[in-house]
N, C-alpha and C. Protein backbone atom coordinates (compact mmCIF):
# COMPACT_ATOMS: atom_id res chain seq x y z
N UNK A 1 0.62 -1.22 0.04
CA UNK A 1 0.17 0.47 0.19
C UNK A 1 0.97 1.01 0.00
N UNK A 2 0.59 2.78 -0.46
CA UNK A 2 0.96 3.27 -0.51
C UNK A 2 1.22 3.94 0.34
N UNK A 3 1.77 4.96 1.22
CA UNK A 3 2.66 5.40 2.04
C UNK A 3 1.23 6.74 2.49
N UNK A 4 1.14 7.37 1.17
CA UNK A 4 0.25 7.92 1.17
C UNK A 4 -1.15 8.06 1.67
N UNK A 5 -1.82 6.77 0.49
CA UNK A 5 -2.75 6.32 1.21
C UNK A 5 -3.18 5.60 2.34
N UNK A 6 -2.43 5.40 3.83
CA UNK A 6 -2.40 5.05 4.85
C UNK A 6 -2.52 6.74 5.84
N UNK A 7 -2.18 8.09 5.19
CA UNK A 7 -2.02 8.73 5.79
C UNK A 7 -3.22 9.36 5.65
N UNK A 8 -4.16 9.03 7.45
CA UNK A 8 -5.39 9.97 6.98
C UNK A 8 -5.48 11.58 6.97
N UNK A 9 -4.22 11.78 7.21
CA UNK A 9 -3.92 13.89 7.14
C UNK A 9 -3.23 14.27 6.13
N UNK A 10 -3.29 13.46 4.91
CA UNK A 10 -2.57 13.75 4.25
C UNK A 10 -3.80 15.22 3.51
N UNK A 11 -3.08 16.08 3.22
CA UNK A 11 -3.81 16.95 2.22
C UNK A 11 -3.94 16.81 0.96
N UNK A 12 -5.55 16.34 0.01
CA UNK A 12 -5.82 16.62 -1.43
C UNK A 12 -5.77 14.46 -1.17
N UNK A 13 -5.82 14.05 -0.64
CA UNK A 13 -6.34 12.49 -0.27
C UNK A 13 -7.61 12.35 -0.04
N UNK A 14 -8.45 11.70 -1.23
CA UNK A 14 -9.98 11.65 -1.37
C UNK A 14 -10.54 9.76 -1.22
N UNK A 15 -11.08 9.58 0.05
CA UNK A 15 -11.78 8.21 -0.24
C UNK A 15 -12.82 8.07 -1.08
N UNK A 16 -12.81 6.85 -2.48
CA UNK A 16 -13.54 6.66 -3.46
C UNK A 16 -14.28 5.34 -2.90
N UNK A 17 -15.73 5.14 -2.49
CA UNK A 17 -16.41 4.07 -2.07
C UNK A 17 -17.54 3.33 -3.20
N UNK A 18 -17.41 2.16 -3.65
CA UNK A 18 -18.23 1.71 -4.19
C UNK A 18 -18.78 0.38 -3.19
N UNK A 19 -19.89 0.49 -2.66
CA UNK A 19 -20.78 -0.68 -2.31
C UNK A 19 -21.26 -2.14 -3.22
N UNK A 20 -21.31 -3.11 -3.32
CA UNK A 20 -22.14 -3.49 -3.73
C UNK A 20 -22.42 -4.61 -2.15
N UNK A 21 -23.97 -5.02 -2.77
CA UNK A 21 -24.78 -5.03 -2.00
C UNK A 21 -25.96 -6.26 -2.15
N UNK A 22 -26.05 -7.24 -0.88
CA UNK A 22 -27.35 -8.55 -1.34
C UNK A 22 -28.44 -7.77 -2.14
N UNK A 23 -28.86 -8.86 -3.34
CA UNK A 23 -29.95 -8.26 -4.10
C UNK A 23 -30.06 -9.59 -4.60
N UNK A 24 -31.72 -9.28 -5.38
CA UNK A 24 -32.39 -10.15 -6.05
C UNK A 24 -33.06 -9.97 -6.56
N UNK A 25 -33.30 -10.85 -7.72
CA UNK A 25 -34.24 -10.82 -9.22
C UNK A 25 -35.96 -10.50 -8.75
N UNK A 26 -35.65 -9.23 -8.66
CA UNK A 26 -37.30 -9.34 -8.01
C UNK A 26 -37.25 -8.94 -6.63
N UNK A 27 -38.46 -9.27 -5.55
CA UNK A 27 -38.55 -8.99 -4.37
C UNK A 27 -37.35 -10.17 -3.27
N UNK A 28 -37.18 -9.08 -2.58
CA UNK A 28 -36.12 -10.30 -1.24
C UNK A 28 -36.66 -10.98 -0.91
N UNK A 29 -36.84 -12.30 -0.70
CA UNK A 29 -37.31 -13.41 0.48
C UNK A 29 -37.39 -12.19 1.83
N UNK A 30 -39.10 -13.27 2.41
CA UNK A 30 -39.18 -12.78 3.65
C UNK A 30 -38.05 -12.44 4.73
N UNK A 31 -38.19 -11.14 5.36
CA UNK A 31 -37.50 -11.18 6.26
C UNK A 31 -36.42 -10.13 5.68
N UNK A 32 -35.61 -10.25 4.72
CA UNK A 32 -34.37 -10.31 4.07
C UNK A 32 -34.47 -8.91 3.98
N UNK A 33 -33.02 -7.43 3.94
CA UNK A 33 -32.52 -6.68 3.73
C UNK A 33 -31.25 -6.73 2.57
N UNK A 34 -31.60 -5.84 2.08
CA UNK A 34 -30.54 -5.70 1.25
C UNK A 34 -28.93 -5.06 2.17
N UNK A 35 -27.63 -5.66 2.00
CA UNK A 35 -27.33 -5.55 2.73
C UNK A 35 -25.71 -5.29 2.12
N UNK A 36 -24.37 -4.88 2.85
CA UNK A 36 -22.65 -4.83 2.23
C UNK A 36 -22.56 -5.66 2.16
N UNK A 37 -21.87 -6.35 0.99
CA UNK A 37 -21.18 -7.23 1.03
C UNK A 37 -20.11 -7.34 0.72
N UNK A 38 -19.81 -5.50 0.04
CA UNK A 38 -18.42 -5.75 -0.57
C UNK A 38 -18.13 -4.29 -0.12
N UNK A 39 -17.54 -3.44 -0.14
CA UNK A 39 -16.63 -2.02 -0.13
C UNK A 39 -15.19 -2.45 -1.03
N UNK A 40 -15.77 -1.64 -1.72
CA UNK A 40 -14.23 -1.17 -2.53
C UNK A 40 -13.97 -0.10 -2.86
N UNK A 41 -13.16 0.32 -2.64
CA UNK A 41 -12.17 1.61 -1.81
C UNK A 41 -10.59 1.60 -2.57
N UNK A 42 -10.59 3.55 -3.23
CA UNK A 42 -9.69 3.90 -4.05
C UNK A 42 -9.55 4.91 -3.34
N UNK A 43 -8.33 5.47 -3.61
CA UNK A 43 -7.45 6.17 -3.21
C UNK A 43 -6.85 7.06 -4.18
N UNK A 44 -7.56 8.80 -3.98
CA UNK A 44 -7.39 9.66 -5.36
C UNK A 44 -6.33 9.99 -4.26
N UNK A 45 -5.25 11.62 -4.88
CA UNK A 45 -4.41 12.56 -4.73
C UNK A 45 -4.80 13.24 -6.12
N UNK A 46 -5.73 13.89 -4.89
CA UNK A 46 -5.82 15.18 -6.12
C UNK A 46 -4.94 16.03 -6.18
N UNK A 47 -3.99 16.30 -5.43
CA UNK A 47 -3.19 17.45 -5.55
C UNK A 47 -2.39 16.53 -7.00
N UNK A 48 -1.71 15.27 -7.09
CA UNK A 48 -0.66 14.94 -7.98
C UNK A 48 -1.76 14.37 -9.09
N UNK A 49 -2.98 14.24 -9.34
CA UNK A 49 -3.69 14.19 -10.14
C UNK A 49 -3.56 12.19 -10.34
N UNK A 50 -3.16 11.31 -9.51
CA UNK A 50 -2.98 10.01 -9.97
C UNK A 50 -4.48 9.87 -8.93
N UNK A 51 -4.44 7.89 -9.20
CA UNK A 51 -5.21 7.05 -8.40
C UNK A 51 -3.82 6.11 -7.24
N UNK A 52 -3.44 6.20 -5.99
CA UNK A 52 -2.36 6.43 -5.51
C UNK A 52 -2.87 4.21 -4.66
N UNK A 53 -4.55 3.73 -4.89
CA UNK A 53 -4.48 3.01 -4.03
C UNK A 53 -5.58 2.11 -4.24
N UNK A 54 -5.47 0.88 -3.89
CA UNK A 54 -6.99 0.33 -3.75
C UNK A 54 -7.56 -0.64 -2.78
N UNK A 55 -8.45 -1.08 -2.31
CA UNK A 55 -8.52 -1.90 -1.11
C UNK A 55 -9.42 -2.50 -1.70
N UNK A 56 -9.89 -3.75 -1.00
CA UNK A 56 -11.30 -4.58 -1.13
C UNK A 56 -11.88 -5.34 0.21
N UNK A 57 -13.24 -4.79 1.16
CA UNK A 57 -12.95 -5.30 2.22
C UNK A 57 -14.46 -6.01 1.67
N UNK A 58 -14.49 -7.32 2.12
CA UNK A 58 -15.52 -8.28 1.91
C UNK A 58 -16.35 -8.45 3.19
N UNK A 59 -17.66 -8.41 3.42
CA UNK A 59 -18.46 -8.18 4.44
C UNK A 59 -19.51 -8.87 4.44
N UNK A 60 -19.29 -9.69 5.76
CA UNK A 60 -20.80 -10.34 6.02
C UNK A 60 -22.19 -10.41 6.32
N UNK A 61 -23.14 -10.96 5.73
CA UNK A 61 -24.65 -10.28 5.68
C UNK A 61 -25.47 -10.78 7.56
N UNK A 62 -25.66 -10.05 7.69
CA UNK A 62 -26.62 -10.41 8.78
C UNK A 62 -27.67 -11.11 9.21
N UNK A 63 -28.56 -10.37 7.61
CA UNK A 63 -29.85 -10.78 7.57
C UNK A 63 -30.54 -10.50 6.47
N UNK A 64 -29.59 -11.14 5.49
CA UNK A 64 -29.73 -11.51 4.03
C UNK A 64 -28.49 -12.58 3.80
N UNK A 65 -29.01 -12.76 2.77
CA UNK A 65 -27.73 -14.10 1.98
C UNK A 65 -27.58 -14.03 0.48
N UNK A 66 -26.33 -14.25 0.43
CA UNK A 66 -26.05 -13.91 -1.16
C UNK A 66 -27.05 -14.93 -2.13
N UNK A 67 -27.66 -14.77 -3.13
CA UNK A 67 -29.01 -15.06 -4.08
C UNK A 67 -27.83 -15.70 -5.15
N UNK A 68 -28.05 -16.06 -6.09
CA UNK A 68 -27.70 -16.35 -7.63
C UNK A 68 -27.30 -15.62 -8.05
N UNK A 69 -28.68 -14.81 -8.46
CA UNK A 69 -28.57 -13.59 -9.31
C UNK A 69 -27.30 -12.49 -9.17
N UNK A 70 -27.45 -12.33 -7.11
CA UNK A 70 -26.17 -11.31 -7.20
C UNK A 70 -25.03 -12.22 -7.84
N UNK A 71 -24.54 -13.17 -7.60
CA UNK A 71 -23.32 -13.74 -7.70
C UNK A 71 -22.98 -13.71 -9.01
N UNK A 72 -24.09 -13.75 -10.19
CA UNK A 72 -24.18 -13.37 -11.09
C UNK A 72 -23.39 -12.65 -11.81
N UNK A 73 -24.49 -11.69 -11.02
CA UNK A 73 -24.10 -9.20 -11.05
C UNK A 73 -22.78 -9.05 -10.46
N UNK A 74 -22.37 -9.58 -9.56
CA UNK A 74 -21.12 -9.32 -8.37
C UNK A 74 -19.80 -10.09 -9.03
N UNK A 75 -20.27 -11.13 -9.27
CA UNK A 75 -19.37 -12.18 -8.71
C UNK A 75 -18.80 -12.67 -7.29
N UNK A 76 -19.34 -12.32 -6.88
CA UNK A 76 -19.58 -12.42 -4.93
C UNK A 76 -19.74 -14.07 -4.82
N UNK A 77 -19.93 -14.58 -4.41
CA UNK A 77 -20.00 -15.88 -3.56
C UNK A 77 -20.69 -16.01 -2.10
N UNK A 78 -21.73 -16.76 -1.90
CA UNK A 78 -21.86 -16.78 0.11
C UNK A 78 -20.64 -17.44 0.99
N UNK A 79 -19.73 -18.07 0.28
CA UNK A 79 -19.31 -18.86 0.73
C UNK A 79 -18.08 -18.18 0.66
N UNK A 80 -17.27 -16.64 0.04
CA UNK A 80 -16.34 -15.62 0.27
C UNK A 80 -17.14 -14.43 1.06
N UNK A 81 -18.46 -14.60 1.16
CA UNK A 81 -18.64 -13.41 2.40
C UNK A 81 -18.75 -13.96 3.75
N UNK A 82 -18.72 -15.60 3.69
CA UNK A 82 -19.21 -16.15 4.83
C UNK A 82 -17.92 -15.49 5.68
N UNK A 83 -16.55 -15.78 4.87
CA UNK A 83 -15.61 -15.72 5.60
C UNK A 83 -14.94 -13.54 5.57
N UNK A 84 -15.84 -13.46 5.19
CA UNK A 84 -16.21 -11.69 5.46
C UNK A 84 -16.13 -11.66 6.60
N UNK A 85 -15.94 -9.78 6.69
CA UNK A 85 -15.67 -9.38 8.23
C UNK A 85 -17.39 -8.81 8.59
N UNK A 86 -17.98 -8.17 10.11
CA UNK A 86 -18.77 -7.40 10.10
C UNK A 86 -18.73 -5.99 9.70
N UNK A 87 -19.61 -5.82 9.48
CA UNK A 87 -20.51 -4.41 8.88
C UNK A 87 -19.37 -3.59 9.89
N UNK A 88 -19.56 -3.52 11.00
CA UNK A 88 -18.72 -2.74 12.38
C UNK A 88 -16.96 -2.90 12.44
N UNK A 89 -16.23 -4.04 12.07
CA UNK A 89 -15.04 -4.25 11.95
C UNK A 89 -15.00 -3.96 10.13
N UNK A 90 -15.68 -3.86 9.34
CA UNK A 90 -15.48 -3.47 8.30
C UNK A 90 -15.01 -1.74 8.68
N UNK A 91 -16.59 -1.31 9.33
CA UNK A 91 -15.89 0.62 9.46
C UNK A 91 -14.90 1.09 10.31
N UNK A 92 -14.49 0.24 10.95
CA UNK A 92 -13.38 -0.05 11.97
C UNK A 92 -12.21 -0.07 11.14
N UNK A 93 -11.93 -1.12 10.50
CA UNK A 93 -10.77 -0.55 8.89
C UNK A 93 -10.77 0.71 8.47
N UNK A 94 -12.08 0.87 7.84
CA UNK A 94 -11.68 2.61 7.61
C UNK A 94 -11.37 3.16 7.80
N UNK A 95 -11.41 3.74 9.03
CA UNK A 95 -11.43 5.10 10.18
C UNK A 95 -9.85 4.55 10.42
N UNK A 96 -9.97 3.26 10.85
CA UNK A 96 -7.97 3.06 11.36
C UNK A 96 -7.13 2.94 9.94
N UNK A 97 -7.49 2.19 9.06
CA UNK A 97 -6.52 2.40 8.26
C UNK A 97 -6.32 3.63 6.92
N UNK A 98 -7.41 3.94 6.56
CA UNK A 98 -7.92 4.68 5.66
C UNK A 98 -8.51 6.11 5.24
N UNK A 99 -8.19 6.44 6.93
CA UNK A 99 -8.65 8.08 7.53
C UNK A 99 -10.30 8.05 6.68
N UNK A 100 -11.30 7.35 7.12
CA UNK A 100 -12.48 7.34 6.69
C UNK A 100 -13.50 8.47 7.50
N UNK A 101 -12.89 8.75 8.93
CA UNK A 101 -13.30 10.01 9.61
C UNK A 101 -12.68 11.37 9.22
N UNK A 102 -11.85 11.25 8.66
CA UNK A 102 -11.57 12.65 8.59
C UNK A 102 -11.15 13.26 7.11
N UNK A 103 -10.67 12.64 6.27
CA UNK A 103 -10.55 12.34 5.02
C UNK A 103 -11.86 12.50 3.24
N UNK A 104 -12.04 13.62 2.97
CA UNK A 104 -13.58 13.46 2.47
C UNK A 104 -13.48 12.29 1.39
N UNK A 105 -14.51 12.04 1.31
CA UNK A 105 -15.14 10.82 -0.08
C UNK A 105 -16.22 11.50 -1.11
N UNK A 106 -16.20 10.16 -1.72
CA UNK A 106 -17.12 10.55 -3.12
C UNK A 106 -17.41 8.79 -3.32
N UNK A 107 -18.56 8.67 -4.23
CA UNK A 107 -19.21 7.95 -4.28
C UNK A 107 -19.76 7.90 -5.65
N UNK A 108 -20.35 6.99 -6.50
CA UNK A 108 -21.33 7.18 -7.88
C UNK A 108 -22.46 6.58 -7.11
N UNK A 109 -23.75 7.93 -6.18
CA UNK A 109 -25.00 7.36 -6.67
C UNK A 109 -25.15 6.92 -4.91
N UNK A 110 -26.11 6.18 -4.60
CA UNK A 110 -26.60 5.72 -3.90
C UNK A 110 -25.37 5.29 -2.37
N UNK A 111 -24.44 5.01 -2.59
CA UNK A 111 -23.59 4.47 -1.07
C UNK A 111 -23.40 5.26 0.05
N UNK A 112 -23.98 6.63 -0.17
CA UNK A 112 -24.19 7.15 1.82
C UNK A 112 -25.33 6.66 1.81
N UNK A 113 -26.17 6.71 1.24
CA UNK A 113 -27.75 6.16 1.91
C UNK A 113 -27.44 5.34 1.99
N UNK A 114 -26.93 3.97 1.35
CA UNK A 114 -27.07 3.04 1.79
C UNK A 114 -26.18 2.46 3.51
N UNK A 115 -25.38 3.56 3.58
CA UNK A 115 -24.20 3.54 4.85
C UNK A 115 -24.81 3.89 6.09
N UNK A 116 -25.74 4.91 5.86
CA UNK A 116 -26.68 5.60 6.43
C UNK A 116 -27.38 4.83 7.61
N UNK A 117 -28.50 4.04 6.15
CA UNK A 117 -28.82 3.15 7.27
C UNK A 117 -28.81 1.92 7.44
N UNK A 118 -27.81 0.77 6.56
CA UNK A 118 -27.37 0.06 7.64
C UNK A 118 -26.73 0.72 8.98
N UNK A 119 -26.06 1.14 8.86
CA UNK A 119 -25.36 1.92 9.92
C UNK A 119 -26.34 1.83 11.42
N UNK A 120 -27.13 3.02 11.01
CA UNK A 120 -28.40 3.09 11.59
C UNK A 120 -28.78 1.85 12.28
N UNK A 121 -29.46 0.17 11.40
CA UNK A 121 -29.66 -0.65 11.71
C UNK A 121 -29.03 -1.22 12.49
N UNK A 122 -27.88 -1.43 12.06
CA UNK A 122 -26.92 -2.45 13.05
C UNK A 122 -26.49 -1.85 13.65
N UNK A 123 -26.40 -0.56 14.51
CA UNK A 123 -26.23 0.21 15.73
C UNK A 123 -24.51 -0.32 15.94
N UNK A 124 -24.10 0.67 14.55
CA UNK A 124 -22.69 -0.02 13.62
C UNK A 124 -22.35 2.24 13.62
N UNK A 125 -21.39 2.83 15.04
CA UNK A 125 -20.78 4.00 14.43
C UNK A 125 -20.52 4.54 12.40
N UNK A 126 -21.16 4.98 11.97
CA UNK A 126 -20.95 5.70 11.09
C UNK A 126 -19.37 5.93 11.01
N UNK A 127 -18.55 5.17 10.05
CA UNK A 127 -17.09 6.04 9.86
C UNK A 127 -16.88 7.51 9.13
N UNK A 128 -17.67 7.51 8.77
CA UNK A 128 -17.29 8.87 7.71
C UNK A 128 -16.97 10.55 8.18
N UNK A 129 -17.61 10.50 9.73
CA UNK A 129 -18.37 11.86 10.82
C UNK A 129 -19.59 11.68 9.92
N UNK A 130 -19.75 13.18 10.80
CA UNK A 130 -21.14 13.67 10.84
C UNK A 130 -21.11 14.95 10.71
N UNK A 131 -22.23 16.06 10.44
CA UNK A 131 -22.93 15.16 9.30
C UNK A 131 -22.70 13.94 8.51
N UNK A 132 -23.53 13.18 8.25
CA UNK A 132 -23.65 11.68 7.33
C UNK A 132 -23.20 12.84 5.96
N UNK A 133 -23.71 13.55 5.50
CA UNK A 133 -23.19 14.02 4.37
C UNK A 133 -22.40 15.18 4.00
N UNK A 134 -21.56 14.89 5.15
CA UNK A 134 -20.32 16.06 5.74
C UNK A 134 -18.88 15.27 4.44
N UNK A 135 -18.61 15.96 4.00
CA UNK A 135 -17.27 15.57 3.37
C UNK A 135 -17.44 14.49 2.09
N UNK A 136 -18.98 13.98 2.19
CA UNK A 136 -19.31 13.54 0.94
C UNK A 136 -19.25 14.52 -0.65
N UNK A 137 -19.14 13.41 -1.41
CA UNK A 137 -19.36 14.38 -3.01
C UNK A 137 -19.84 13.14 -3.92
N UNK A 138 -21.14 13.40 -4.60
CA UNK A 138 -21.91 12.18 -5.09
C UNK A 138 -21.68 12.75 -6.32
N UNK A 139 -20.50 12.14 -7.33
CA UNK A 139 -19.73 11.97 -8.37
C UNK A 139 -20.73 12.24 -9.73
N UNK A 140 -21.37 11.23 -9.40
CA UNK A 140 -22.65 10.64 -10.21
C UNK A 140 -23.36 12.50 -10.83
N UNK A 141 -23.98 12.97 -9.72
CA UNK A 141 -24.47 14.30 -9.61
C UNK A 141 -23.26 15.20 -10.40
N UNK A 142 -22.17 15.62 -10.09
CA UNK A 142 -21.33 15.77 -10.84
C UNK A 142 -20.64 15.55 -12.15
N UNK A 143 -20.90 14.81 -12.55
CA UNK A 143 -20.67 14.59 -13.69
C UNK A 143 -21.37 14.92 -14.64
N UNK A 144 -22.85 14.83 -13.78
CA UNK A 144 -23.89 14.92 -14.87
C UNK A 144 -23.95 16.35 -15.31
N UNK A 145 -23.77 17.22 -14.71
CA UNK A 145 -23.62 18.74 -14.41
C UNK A 145 -22.77 19.51 -14.96
N UNK A 146 -21.16 18.43 -14.86
CA UNK A 146 -20.43 18.37 -15.66
C UNK A 146 -20.51 18.35 -17.52
N UNK A 147 -21.29 17.84 -17.24
CA UNK A 147 -21.22 16.88 -18.85
C UNK A 147 -22.34 17.16 -19.95
N UNK A 148 -23.69 18.69 -18.90
CA UNK A 148 -24.86 19.04 -19.54
C UNK A 148 -26.10 18.33 -20.14
N UNK A 149 -25.85 16.47 -19.30
CA UNK A 149 -26.88 15.50 -19.43
C UNK A 149 -27.91 16.35 -18.45
N UNK A 150 -29.14 15.59 -19.36
CA UNK A 150 -30.76 15.53 -18.70
C UNK A 150 -30.58 14.69 -17.62
N UNK A 151 -30.46 13.22 -17.73
CA UNK A 151 -30.47 11.88 -16.90
C UNK A 151 -28.89 11.81 -15.79
N UNK A 152 -28.80 11.18 -14.71
CA UNK A 152 -27.41 11.02 -14.81
C UNK A 152 -27.35 9.86 -15.03
N UNK A 153 -26.22 9.11 -15.90
CA UNK A 153 -25.51 8.15 -16.56
C UNK A 153 -25.33 6.18 -15.41
N UNK A 154 -24.52 5.51 -15.95
CA UNK A 154 -24.78 4.77 -14.71
C UNK A 154 -23.07 4.95 -15.23
N UNK A 155 -22.47 4.18 -14.34
CA UNK A 155 -20.75 4.48 -13.92
C UNK A 155 -19.94 4.25 -15.48
N UNK A 156 -20.68 3.30 -15.96
CA UNK A 156 -20.40 2.22 -17.56
C UNK A 156 -20.55 3.11 -18.01
N UNK A 157 -21.61 3.65 -18.18
CA UNK A 157 -21.99 4.80 -19.49
C UNK A 157 -20.88 6.28 -19.41
N UNK A 158 -20.44 6.43 -18.15
CA UNK A 158 -20.09 8.06 -17.93
C UNK A 158 -18.56 7.58 -18.16
N UNK A 159 -18.30 6.83 -18.56
CA UNK A 159 -16.79 6.22 -18.20
C UNK A 159 -16.81 6.24 -20.19
N UNK A 160 -17.85 5.49 -20.46
CA UNK A 160 -18.01 6.07 -22.36
C UNK A 160 -18.27 7.36 -23.06
N UNK A 161 -18.91 8.31 -22.09
CA UNK A 161 -18.81 9.96 -22.22
C UNK A 161 -17.25 10.36 -22.63
N UNK A 162 -16.62 9.75 -21.28
CA UNK A 162 -15.57 10.30 -21.00
C UNK A 162 -14.24 9.64 -21.54
N UNK A 163 -14.83 9.40 -22.03
CA UNK A 163 -13.17 8.13 -23.45
C UNK A 163 -12.69 7.28 -22.83
N UNK A 164 -12.57 7.01 -21.47
CA UNK A 164 -11.87 6.28 -20.01
C UNK A 164 -12.41 4.34 -20.71
N UNK A 165 -11.30 3.90 -20.53
CA UNK A 165 -12.25 2.61 -20.39
C UNK A 165 -12.64 2.23 -19.32
N UNK A 166 -13.44 1.00 -19.20
CA UNK A 166 -13.77 0.68 -18.07
C UNK A 166 -13.05 -0.78 -17.57
N UNK A 167 -11.89 -0.88 -15.94
CA UNK A 167 -10.81 -1.42 -16.22
C UNK A 167 -11.96 -2.67 -15.34
N UNK A 168 -11.31 -3.45 -15.08
CA UNK A 168 -12.23 -4.67 -14.28
C UNK A 168 -13.70 -5.15 -14.41
N UNK A 169 -13.91 -5.97 -13.57
CA UNK A 169 -15.46 -6.53 -13.31
C UNK A 169 -16.29 -5.59 -13.24
N UNK A 170 -17.64 -5.01 -13.68
CA UNK A 170 -18.15 -3.86 -13.80
C UNK A 170 -19.37 -4.82 -12.67
N UNK A 171 -19.59 -4.09 -11.72
CA UNK A 171 -19.87 -5.18 -10.32
C UNK A 171 -19.41 -5.32 -9.26
N UNK A 172 -18.29 -4.98 -9.49
CA UNK A 172 -17.31 -5.23 -8.72
C UNK A 172 -16.95 -4.50 -7.70
N UNK A 173 -16.75 -4.27 -6.37
CA UNK A 173 -16.93 -3.03 -5.77
C UNK A 173 -15.62 -2.17 -5.74
N UNK A 174 -14.45 -3.32 -5.85
CA UNK A 174 -13.19 -2.83 -6.26
C UNK A 174 -12.62 -2.08 -7.35
N UNK A 175 -13.27 -3.15 -8.07
CA UNK A 175 -13.01 -2.20 -9.90
C UNK A 175 -13.88 -0.75 -10.23
N UNK A 176 -14.74 -1.18 -9.49
CA UNK A 176 -15.89 0.01 -10.05
C UNK A 176 -15.66 0.94 -9.02
N UNK A 177 -14.28 1.21 -7.57
CA UNK A 177 -14.50 2.24 -7.05
C UNK A 177 -13.15 3.27 -7.33
N UNK A 178 -12.47 1.47 -8.15
CA UNK A 178 -11.31 2.17 -9.27
C UNK A 178 -11.42 3.37 -10.56
N UNK A 179 -12.63 2.40 -10.91
CA UNK A 179 -13.39 3.22 -11.80
C UNK A 179 -13.63 4.63 -12.07
N UNK A 180 -14.64 5.04 -10.35
CA UNK A 180 -14.95 6.10 -10.31
C UNK A 180 -14.10 6.93 -9.54
N UNK A 181 -12.81 6.95 -9.62
CA UNK A 181 -11.50 7.47 -8.85
C UNK A 181 -11.05 8.37 -10.19
N UNK A 182 -11.15 7.28 -11.30
CA UNK A 182 -10.96 8.06 -12.48
C UNK A 182 -11.61 8.97 -13.42
N UNK A 183 -12.89 8.69 -13.04
CA UNK A 183 -13.55 10.29 -13.40
C UNK A 183 -13.89 10.89 -12.77
N UNK A 184 -13.63 11.00 -11.02
CA UNK A 184 -12.93 11.94 -10.39
C UNK A 184 -11.94 12.67 -10.61
N UNK A 185 -10.87 12.13 -11.92
CA UNK A 185 -9.60 12.81 -12.23
C UNK A 185 -10.35 13.33 -13.62
N UNK A 186 -10.82 13.07 -14.20
CA UNK A 186 -11.60 13.64 -15.43
C UNK A 186 -11.76 15.03 -15.13
N UNK A 187 -13.27 14.93 -13.70
CA UNK A 187 -13.84 15.63 -13.34
C UNK A 187 -13.29 16.98 -13.50
N UNK A 188 -11.98 16.56 -12.25
CA UNK A 188 -11.05 17.61 -11.76
C UNK A 188 -10.01 18.14 -12.83
N UNK A 189 -9.72 17.33 -13.59
CA UNK A 189 -8.85 17.71 -15.74
C UNK A 189 -10.31 19.12 -15.58
N UNK A 190 -11.26 18.86 -15.90
CA UNK A 190 -12.63 19.15 -16.30
C UNK A 190 -12.46 21.03 -15.47
N UNK A 191 -12.22 20.94 -14.03
CA UNK A 191 -12.08 22.16 -13.33
C UNK A 191 -13.53 22.03 -12.38
N UNK A 192 -14.24 20.49 -12.77
CA UNK A 192 -15.69 20.39 -11.70
C UNK A 192 -15.72 19.76 -10.42
N UNK A 193 -13.87 19.53 -10.21
CA UNK A 193 -14.21 18.81 -8.78
C UNK A 193 -14.38 20.10 -8.10
N UNK A 194 -15.20 19.95 -6.80
CA UNK A 194 -14.87 20.61 -5.52
C UNK A 194 -13.36 20.92 -5.56
N UNK A 195 -12.49 21.95 -5.62
CA UNK A 195 -11.02 22.78 -5.20
C UNK A 195 -10.34 22.58 -5.80
N UNK A 196 -10.91 21.38 -7.39
CA UNK A 196 -9.86 21.36 -8.65
C UNK A 196 -9.63 22.77 -9.16
N UNK A 197 -10.39 23.71 -9.33
CA UNK A 197 -10.10 24.91 -10.12
C UNK A 197 -8.46 25.63 -9.97
């Protein structure tokens, strides 16, 4: 891991988070709720305009199971999540090892709300500081505005619009975080990322 990525106090570092969660082809089974199963994490050095680290945390769901549909979409199996950590441990890792409490962060859309909802439901301290929207940037909304689009594009479509390759597997959190980090740098080059002018 790059030393800069571990330094939560390094000015100009941004955490990019992408979540994968349990999902179904249709309605969830009775009593099941969508839960985080993977936290993809990439670090962007906005000053150097480069991606400097990437990490993956597998999370063991407590109130749902990984469906065949979910495995087909994400490539994540129930056997993998069985070896994962609790959400509490994952959030602690984000804070201790990746500066989540002090470093600004970004995601492509819903991830902040998923964290807020699940942390509240599980009684786990929210790892990114308070209020929940503090220091969070919805990269999807920013990209939409920067490109004058009428509708917010999915990440893969945004990469096409930006002329960037999709690296890795789509719907794999660690790969999606890395790709979103590339879109953050694209927006910074356009002067559209906060503080990038």
